[in-house]
Amino acid sequence: MKTWLAKKHEAEKGRKWYLIDAAGQTVGRIAVRAANILRGRHEPTYTPHVDTGDFVIILNAEKAVFTGKKEEQKIYMSYSGYVGGHHETTPKRLRRSHPERILEKAIKGMIPHTRLGRAQYRKLKVYRGTEHPHEAQKPQAVNLAA
């Protein structure tokens, strides 16, 4: 018996759209669920080296919560490569200016850091409020409690 592996043209045919409401949900739980959908881990046709995942829309990104003291104590660091180019910020500060980046960073860390991962990451759409421009795709709501 041979192991069946998905081909690229087979995976791109049936892409679905999923909708996650982040209001009151934990950042990590949202990120895990979204990363698994982006990678295709929820499908029986999952193949590690092929992008078999679906699109994910996340709404109410500013209402996602952290557990414990992560809101004040967690640090996001970046370095430009230049002298004095080290920057630090906390989720509390990041939430004021770009709340969608909190979820984007969490999800980006959970997908492969390769060309495949970048292709999967492009299927992620994160929005602050409840409005999004993807109504025509008829996204299915995802229940995070299940």
N, C-alpha and C. Protein backbone atom coordinates (compact mmCIF):
# COMPACT_ATOMS: atom_id res chain seq x y z
N MET A 1 0.83 -1.17 0.00
CA MET A 1 0.00 0.00 0.00
C MET A 1 0.88 1.24 0.00
N LYS A 2 0.53 2.22 -0.84
CA LYS A 2 1.33 3.44 -0.93
C LYS A 2 0.72 4.55 -0.09
N THR A 3 1.57 5.43 0.40
CA THR A 3 1.11 6.60 1.13
C THR A 3 0.69 7.66 0.12
N TRP A 4 -0.52 8.18 0.28
CA TRP A 4 -1.02 9.19 -0.65
C TRP A 4 -0.53 10.56 -0.20
N LEU A 5 0.01 11.35 -1.13
CA LEU A 5 0.46 12.70 -0.85
C LEU A 5 -0.25 13.66 -1.80
N ALA A 6 -0.70 14.77 -1.26
CA ALA A 6 -1.41 15.76 -2.08
C ALA A 6 -0.45 16.44 -3.04
N LYS A 7 -0.94 16.77 -4.22
CA LYS A 7 -0.18 17.54 -5.21
C LYS A 7 -0.63 18.99 -5.11
N LYS A 8 0.18 19.90 -5.62
CA LYS A 8 -0.12 21.32 -5.50
C LYS A 8 -1.44 21.68 -6.18
N HIS A 9 -1.67 21.17 -7.37
CA HIS A 9 -2.90 21.51 -8.11
C HIS A 9 -4.14 20.91 -7.45
N GLU A 10 -3.99 19.81 -6.74
CA GLU A 10 -5.13 19.21 -6.04
C GLU A 10 -5.51 20.03 -4.80
N ALA A 11 -4.51 20.59 -4.13
CA ALA A 11 -4.75 21.32 -2.89
C ALA A 11 -5.39 22.68 -3.16
N GLU A 12 -5.08 23.31 -4.27
CA GLU A 12 -5.56 24.66 -4.55
C GLU A 12 -7.02 24.70 -5.00
N LYS A 13 -7.57 23.57 -5.41
CA LYS A 13 -8.94 23.54 -5.92
C LYS A 13 -9.98 23.88 -4.87
N GLY A 14 -9.93 23.24 -3.73
CA GLY A 14 -11.01 23.36 -2.76
C GLY A 14 -10.68 24.21 -1.55
N ARG A 15 -10.05 25.36 -1.73
CA ARG A 15 -9.72 26.21 -0.59
C ARG A 15 -11.00 26.79 0.02
N LYS A 16 -11.11 26.67 1.34
CA LYS A 16 -12.27 27.21 2.06
C LYS A 16 -11.82 28.46 2.82
N TRP A 17 -12.79 29.21 3.30
CA TRP A 17 -12.54 30.39 4.11
C TRP A 17 -13.16 30.17 5.48
N TYR A 18 -12.39 30.44 6.53
CA TYR A 18 -12.86 30.28 7.90
C TYR A 18 -12.81 31.63 8.61
N LEU A 19 -13.76 31.84 9.50
CA LEU A 19 -13.90 33.10 10.23
C LEU A 19 -13.76 32.83 11.73
N ILE A 20 -12.83 33.54 12.37
CA ILE A 20 -12.61 33.40 13.81
C ILE A 20 -12.89 34.74 14.47
N ASP A 21 -13.74 34.73 15.49
CA ASP A 21 -14.01 35.93 16.27
C ASP A 21 -13.13 35.89 17.51
N ALA A 22 -12.19 36.84 17.61
CA ALA A 22 -11.19 36.83 18.68
C ALA A 22 -11.67 37.51 19.96
N ALA A 23 -12.87 38.04 19.97
CA ALA A 23 -13.35 38.79 21.14
C ALA A 23 -13.39 37.91 22.38
N GLY A 24 -12.60 38.29 23.39
CA GLY A 24 -12.58 37.56 24.65
C GLY A 24 -11.83 36.24 24.63
N GLN A 25 -11.23 35.88 23.52
CA GLN A 25 -10.50 34.61 23.41
C GLN A 25 -9.02 34.82 23.71
N THR A 26 -8.35 33.77 24.15
CA THR A 26 -6.93 33.82 24.46
C THR A 26 -6.11 33.84 23.17
N VAL A 27 -5.08 34.68 23.13
CA VAL A 27 -4.25 34.84 21.93
C VAL A 27 -3.65 33.51 21.48
N GLY A 28 -3.11 32.73 22.41
CA GLY A 28 -2.48 31.46 22.06
C GLY A 28 -3.44 30.46 21.45
N ARG A 29 -4.65 30.36 21.99
CA ARG A 29 -5.63 29.41 21.47
C ARG A 29 -6.10 29.81 20.07
N ILE A 30 -6.26 31.11 19.87
CA ILE A 30 -6.63 31.59 18.53
C ILE A 30 -5.51 31.27 17.55
N ALA A 31 -4.27 31.53 17.97
CA ALA A 31 -3.12 31.34 17.09
C ALA A 31 -2.94 29.87 16.70
N VAL A 32 -3.10 28.97 17.65
CA VAL A 32 -2.95 27.54 17.35
C VAL A 32 -4.00 27.09 16.34
N ARG A 33 -5.25 27.48 16.58
CA ARG A 33 -6.33 27.07 15.67
C ARG A 33 -6.13 27.64 14.27
N ALA A 34 -5.76 28.93 14.20
CA ALA A 34 -5.54 29.58 12.91
C ALA A 34 -4.34 28.97 12.18
N ALA A 35 -3.25 28.70 12.90
CA ALA A 35 -2.06 28.11 12.28
C ALA A 35 -2.37 26.72 11.72
N ASN A 36 -3.14 25.93 12.44
CA ASN A 36 -3.50 24.60 11.96
C ASN A 36 -4.37 24.66 10.71
N ILE A 37 -5.27 25.63 10.65
CA ILE A 37 -6.11 25.78 9.46
C ILE A 37 -5.27 26.27 8.28
N LEU A 38 -4.38 27.23 8.52
CA LEU A 38 -3.52 27.74 7.45
C LEU A 38 -2.63 26.65 6.88
N ARG A 39 -2.14 25.76 7.72
CA ARG A 39 -1.27 24.67 7.28
C ARG A 39 -2.04 23.51 6.68
N GLY A 40 -3.33 23.38 7.03
CA GLY A 40 -4.12 22.28 6.51
C GLY A 40 -4.14 21.08 7.43
N ARG A 41 -3.75 21.26 8.68
CA ARG A 41 -3.68 20.15 9.63
C ARG A 41 -5.05 19.59 9.97
N HIS A 42 -6.10 20.34 9.72
CA HIS A 42 -7.46 19.90 10.04
C HIS A 42 -8.05 19.03 8.94
N GLU A 43 -7.38 18.91 7.80
CA GLU A 43 -7.89 18.14 6.65
C GLU A 43 -7.27 16.74 6.61
N PRO A 44 -7.99 15.76 6.14
CA PRO A 44 -7.40 14.43 6.00
C PRO A 44 -6.36 14.37 4.87
N THR A 45 -6.35 15.38 4.00
CA THR A 45 -5.39 15.41 2.89
C THR A 45 -4.12 16.17 3.25
N TYR A 46 -3.88 16.42 4.54
CA TYR A 46 -2.71 17.17 4.97
C TYR A 46 -1.43 16.52 4.47
N THR A 47 -0.59 17.33 3.86
CA THR A 47 0.73 16.90 3.39
C THR A 47 1.73 17.96 3.85
N PRO A 48 2.76 17.58 4.59
CA PRO A 48 3.65 18.58 5.19
C PRO A 48 4.37 19.50 4.20
N HIS A 49 4.69 19.00 3.01
CA HIS A 49 5.49 19.79 2.07
C HIS A 49 4.65 20.49 0.99
N VAL A 50 3.31 20.43 1.10
CA VAL A 50 2.42 21.08 0.14
C VAL A 50 1.46 21.99 0.92
N ASP A 51 1.16 23.14 0.35
CA ASP A 51 0.24 24.08 0.99
C ASP A 51 -1.19 23.60 0.78
N THR A 52 -1.69 22.79 1.72
CA THR A 52 -3.04 22.24 1.63
C THR A 52 -4.02 23.00 2.52
N GLY A 53 -3.58 24.11 3.10
CA GLY A 53 -4.40 24.86 4.05
C GLY A 53 -5.44 25.75 3.41
N ASP A 54 -6.24 26.37 4.26
CA ASP A 54 -7.33 27.23 3.85
C ASP A 54 -7.08 28.66 4.33
N PHE A 55 -7.96 29.57 3.93
CA PHE A 55 -7.86 30.96 4.33
C PHE A 55 -8.48 31.16 5.71
N VAL A 56 -7.93 32.11 6.47
CA VAL A 56 -8.44 32.42 7.80
C VAL A 56 -8.65 33.92 7.93
N ILE A 57 -9.84 34.31 8.39
CA ILE A 57 -10.16 35.70 8.68
C ILE A 57 -10.35 35.80 10.19
N ILE A 58 -9.63 36.73 10.82
CA ILE A 58 -9.78 36.93 12.26
C ILE A 58 -10.35 38.32 12.48
N LEU A 59 -11.45 38.39 13.21
CA LEU A 59 -12.11 39.66 13.52
C LEU A 59 -11.90 40.02 14.99
N ASN A 60 -12.08 41.28 15.33
CA ASN A 60 -11.96 41.80 16.69
C ASN A 60 -10.60 41.49 17.30
N ALA A 61 -9.53 41.74 16.55
CA ALA A 61 -8.17 41.45 17.03
C ALA A 61 -7.82 42.24 18.28
N GLU A 62 -8.40 43.43 18.43
CA GLU A 62 -8.08 44.26 19.60
C GLU A 62 -8.69 43.71 20.88
N LYS A 63 -9.63 42.76 20.77
CA LYS A 63 -10.31 42.21 21.95
C LYS A 63 -9.75 40.86 22.39
N ALA A 64 -8.70 40.37 21.73
CA ALA A 64 -8.05 39.13 22.14
C ALA A 64 -7.28 39.40 23.43
N VAL A 65 -7.27 38.43 24.33
CA VAL A 65 -6.67 38.64 25.65
C VAL A 65 -5.49 37.70 25.88
N PHE A 66 -4.61 38.13 26.79
CA PHE A 66 -3.51 37.29 27.26
C PHE A 66 -3.87 36.77 28.65
N THR A 67 -3.28 35.65 29.04
CA THR A 67 -3.46 35.15 30.40
C THR A 67 -2.33 35.68 31.26
N GLY A 68 -2.56 35.75 32.54
CA GLY A 68 -1.52 36.18 33.47
C GLY A 68 -1.10 37.62 33.25
N LYS A 69 0.20 37.88 33.39
CA LYS A 69 0.73 39.24 33.28
C LYS A 69 1.42 39.48 31.93
N LYS A 70 1.11 38.66 30.93
CA LYS A 70 1.78 38.79 29.64
C LYS A 70 1.54 40.14 28.97
N GLU A 71 0.39 40.73 29.21
CA GLU A 71 0.07 42.03 28.60
C GLU A 71 1.13 43.08 28.94
N GLU A 72 1.69 43.05 30.16
CA GLU A 72 2.70 44.03 30.56
C GLU A 72 4.11 43.48 30.50
N GLN A 73 4.28 42.16 30.71
CA GLN A 73 5.63 41.61 30.86
C GLN A 73 6.22 41.02 29.58
N LYS A 74 5.39 40.59 28.65
CA LYS A 74 5.89 40.02 27.39
C LYS A 74 6.56 41.13 26.58
N ILE A 75 7.64 40.80 25.90
CA ILE A 75 8.38 41.80 25.12
C ILE A 75 8.55 41.31 23.69
N TYR A 76 8.17 42.17 22.74
CA TYR A 76 8.44 41.92 21.32
C TYR A 76 9.70 42.70 20.96
N MET A 77 10.71 42.02 20.44
CA MET A 77 11.97 42.67 20.11
C MET A 77 12.19 42.65 18.60
N SER A 78 12.83 43.70 18.10
CA SER A 78 13.24 43.73 16.70
C SER A 78 14.57 44.45 16.60
N TYR A 79 15.32 44.11 15.58
CA TYR A 79 16.63 44.72 15.39
C TYR A 79 16.81 45.02 13.91
N SER A 80 17.12 46.27 13.59
CA SER A 80 17.22 46.70 12.19
C SER A 80 18.54 46.28 11.55
N GLY A 81 19.53 45.97 12.35
CA GLY A 81 20.85 45.63 11.82
C GLY A 81 21.82 46.79 11.92
N TYR A 82 21.33 47.95 12.29
CA TYR A 82 22.17 49.13 12.44
C TYR A 82 22.46 49.40 13.91
N VAL A 83 23.50 50.18 14.17
CA VAL A 83 23.85 50.56 15.53
C VAL A 83 22.68 51.33 16.13
N GLY A 84 22.26 50.93 17.31
CA GLY A 84 21.13 51.59 17.97
C GLY A 84 19.79 51.19 17.39
N GLY A 85 19.74 50.16 16.57
CA GLY A 85 18.51 49.76 15.90
C GLY A 85 17.70 48.70 16.64
N HIS A 86 17.95 48.55 17.94
CA HIS A 86 17.23 47.57 18.74
C HIS A 86 15.96 48.21 19.29
N HIS A 87 14.81 47.60 19.05
CA HIS A 87 13.53 48.15 19.51
C HIS A 87 12.78 47.10 20.31
N GLU A 88 12.14 47.55 21.37
CA GLU A 88 11.32 46.67 22.21
C GLU A 88 9.95 47.29 22.38
N THR A 89 8.94 46.45 22.47
CA THR A 89 7.60 46.92 22.76
C THR A 89 6.83 45.83 23.49
N THR A 90 5.80 46.22 24.20
CA THR A 90 4.97 45.27 24.93
C THR A 90 3.63 45.13 24.21
N PRO A 91 2.88 44.06 24.47
CA PRO A 91 1.56 43.93 23.85
C PRO A 91 0.63 45.09 24.20
N LYS A 92 0.77 45.64 25.38
CA LYS A 92 -0.08 46.75 25.79
C LYS A 92 0.14 47.97 24.88
N ARG A 93 1.42 48.27 24.59
CA ARG A 93 1.74 49.39 23.69
C ARG A 93 1.36 49.07 22.25
N LEU A 94 1.61 47.82 21.82
CA LEU A 94 1.30 47.41 20.45
C LEU A 94 -0.20 47.41 20.20
N ARG A 95 -0.98 47.10 21.22
CA ARG A 95 -2.44 47.06 21.09
C ARG A 95 -3.01 48.46 20.78
N ARG A 96 -2.37 49.51 21.29
CA ARG A 96 -2.85 50.87 21.03
C ARG A 96 -2.69 51.26 19.56
N SER A 97 -1.58 50.87 18.94
CA SER A 97 -1.31 51.31 17.57
C SER A 97 -1.72 50.28 16.51
N HIS A 98 -1.31 49.03 16.68
CA HIS A 98 -1.59 47.98 15.70
C HIS A 98 -2.01 46.69 16.40
N PRO A 99 -3.25 46.58 16.87
CA PRO A 99 -3.66 45.39 17.63
C PRO A 99 -3.64 44.11 16.81
N GLU A 100 -3.79 44.20 15.49
CA GLU A 100 -3.78 42.99 14.66
C GLU A 100 -2.40 42.34 14.62
N ARG A 101 -1.35 43.08 14.88
CA ARG A 101 0.01 42.52 14.82
C ARG A 101 0.28 41.53 15.95
N ILE A 102 -0.44 41.65 17.06
CA ILE A 102 -0.25 40.70 18.16
C ILE A 102 -0.60 39.29 17.69
N LEU A 103 -1.75 39.15 17.04
CA LEU A 103 -2.14 37.84 16.53
C LEU A 103 -1.28 37.41 15.35
N GLU A 104 -0.93 38.35 14.49
CA GLU A 104 -0.09 38.02 13.33
C GLU A 104 1.26 37.45 13.77
N LYS A 105 1.88 38.07 14.78
CA LYS A 105 3.17 37.59 15.28
C LYS A 105 3.04 36.20 15.92
N ALA A 106 1.97 36.00 16.67
CA ALA A 106 1.77 34.70 17.33
C ALA A 106 1.58 33.59 16.29
N ILE A 107 0.80 33.87 15.25
CA ILE A 107 0.54 32.86 14.22
C ILE A 107 1.77 32.63 13.36
N LYS A 108 2.48 33.70 13.04
CA LYS A 108 3.67 33.57 12.19
C LYS A 108 4.72 32.67 12.85
N GLY A 109 4.80 32.71 14.19
CA GLY A 109 5.75 31.87 14.90
C GLY A 109 5.36 30.40 14.91
N MET A 110 4.12 30.09 14.55
CA MET A 110 3.63 28.70 14.60
C MET A 110 3.62 28.01 13.24
N ILE A 111 3.98 28.72 12.18
CA ILE A 111 4.03 28.09 10.86
C ILE A 111 5.49 28.00 10.43
N PRO A 112 5.83 27.16 9.46
CA PRO A 112 7.23 26.99 9.08
C PRO A 112 7.87 28.30 8.61
N HIS A 113 9.15 28.46 8.90
CA HIS A 113 9.88 29.66 8.50
C HIS A 113 10.60 29.39 7.18
N THR A 114 9.81 29.04 6.16
CA THR A 114 10.33 28.69 4.84
C THR A 114 9.45 29.34 3.79
N ARG A 115 9.74 29.06 2.52
CA ARG A 115 8.89 29.56 1.44
C ARG A 115 7.47 29.06 1.58
N LEU A 116 7.33 27.82 2.00
CA LEU A 116 6.00 27.24 2.20
C LEU A 116 5.26 27.99 3.31
N GLY A 117 5.95 28.29 4.40
CA GLY A 117 5.34 29.02 5.49
C GLY A 117 4.91 30.42 5.08
N ARG A 118 5.70 31.09 4.25
CA ARG A 118 5.33 32.42 3.78
C ARG A 118 4.10 32.36 2.90
N ALA A 119 3.98 31.33 2.10
CA ALA A 119 2.78 31.16 1.25
C ALA A 119 1.55 30.90 2.12
N GLN A 120 1.73 30.12 3.18
CA GLN A 120 0.61 29.84 4.08
C GLN A 120 0.22 31.09 4.86
N TYR A 121 1.19 31.89 5.26
CA TYR A 121 0.93 33.10 6.04
C TYR A 121 0.14 34.14 5.23
N ARG A 122 0.34 34.17 3.92
CA ARG A 122 -0.39 35.12 3.06
C ARG A 122 -1.89 34.86 3.04
N LYS A 123 -2.32 33.70 3.48
CA LYS A 123 -3.76 33.38 3.51
C LYS A 123 -4.42 33.84 4.81
N LEU A 124 -3.68 34.54 5.65
CA LEU A 124 -4.21 35.05 6.92
C LEU A 124 -4.65 36.50 6.75
N LYS A 125 -5.87 36.80 7.20
CA LYS A 125 -6.42 38.16 7.15
C LYS A 125 -6.88 38.52 8.56
N VAL A 126 -6.29 39.55 9.16
CA VAL A 126 -6.63 39.95 10.52
C VAL A 126 -7.17 41.38 10.49
N TYR A 127 -8.30 41.61 11.17
CA TYR A 127 -8.95 42.91 11.19
C TYR A 127 -9.29 43.32 12.61
N ARG A 128 -9.28 44.65 12.85
CA ARG A 128 -9.58 45.19 14.18
C ARG A 128 -11.04 44.99 14.57
N GLY A 129 -11.95 45.44 13.77
CA GLY A 129 -13.37 45.40 14.13
C GLY A 129 -14.07 44.17 13.59
N THR A 130 -15.39 44.33 13.40
CA THR A 130 -16.19 43.21 12.91
C THR A 130 -16.39 43.25 11.39
N GLU A 131 -15.91 44.29 10.74
CA GLU A 131 -16.07 44.42 9.28
C GLU A 131 -14.89 43.80 8.55
N HIS A 132 -15.18 43.12 7.44
CA HIS A 132 -14.13 42.58 6.58
C HIS A 132 -14.64 42.54 5.14
N PRO A 133 -13.73 42.63 4.16
CA PRO A 133 -14.13 42.68 2.75
C PRO A 133 -14.24 41.31 2.09
N HIS A 134 -14.46 40.24 2.84
CA HIS A 134 -14.45 38.89 2.27
C HIS A 134 -15.81 38.19 2.37
N GLU A 135 -16.88 38.94 2.36
CA GLU A 135 -18.23 38.35 2.45
C GLU A 135 -18.54 37.47 1.24
N ALA A 136 -18.00 37.82 0.08
CA ALA A 136 -18.29 37.05 -1.14
C ALA A 136 -17.76 35.62 -1.06
N GLN A 137 -16.75 35.38 -0.21
CA GLN A 137 -16.17 34.04 -0.08
C GLN A 137 -16.98 33.15 0.86
N LYS A 138 -18.00 33.70 1.52
CA LYS A 138 -18.87 32.95 2.44
C LYS A 138 -18.06 32.16 3.47
N PRO A 139 -17.33 32.85 4.37
CA PRO A 139 -16.52 32.14 5.35
C PRO A 139 -17.37 31.40 6.39
N GLN A 140 -16.85 30.25 6.83
CA GLN A 140 -17.52 29.45 7.86
C GLN A 140 -16.97 29.87 9.22
N ALA A 141 -17.86 30.03 10.19
CA ALA A 141 -17.42 30.40 11.54
C ALA A 141 -16.75 29.22 12.22
N VAL A 142 -15.68 29.50 12.97
CA VAL A 142 -14.95 28.48 13.69
C VAL A 142 -15.26 28.62 15.18
N ASN A 143 -15.64 27.53 15.82
CA ASN A 143 -15.91 27.53 17.25
C ASN A 143 -14.63 27.14 17.97
N LEU A 144 -14.04 28.06 18.73
CA LEU A 144 -12.79 27.79 19.42
C LEU A 144 -12.97 26.91 20.65
N ALA A 145 -14.19 26.84 21.18
CA ALA A 145 -14.45 26.03 22.36
C ALA A 145 -14.34 24.54 22.04
N ALA A 146 -14.62 24.15 20.81
CA ALA A 146 -14.60 22.72 20.44
C ALA A 146 -13.20 22.23 20.21
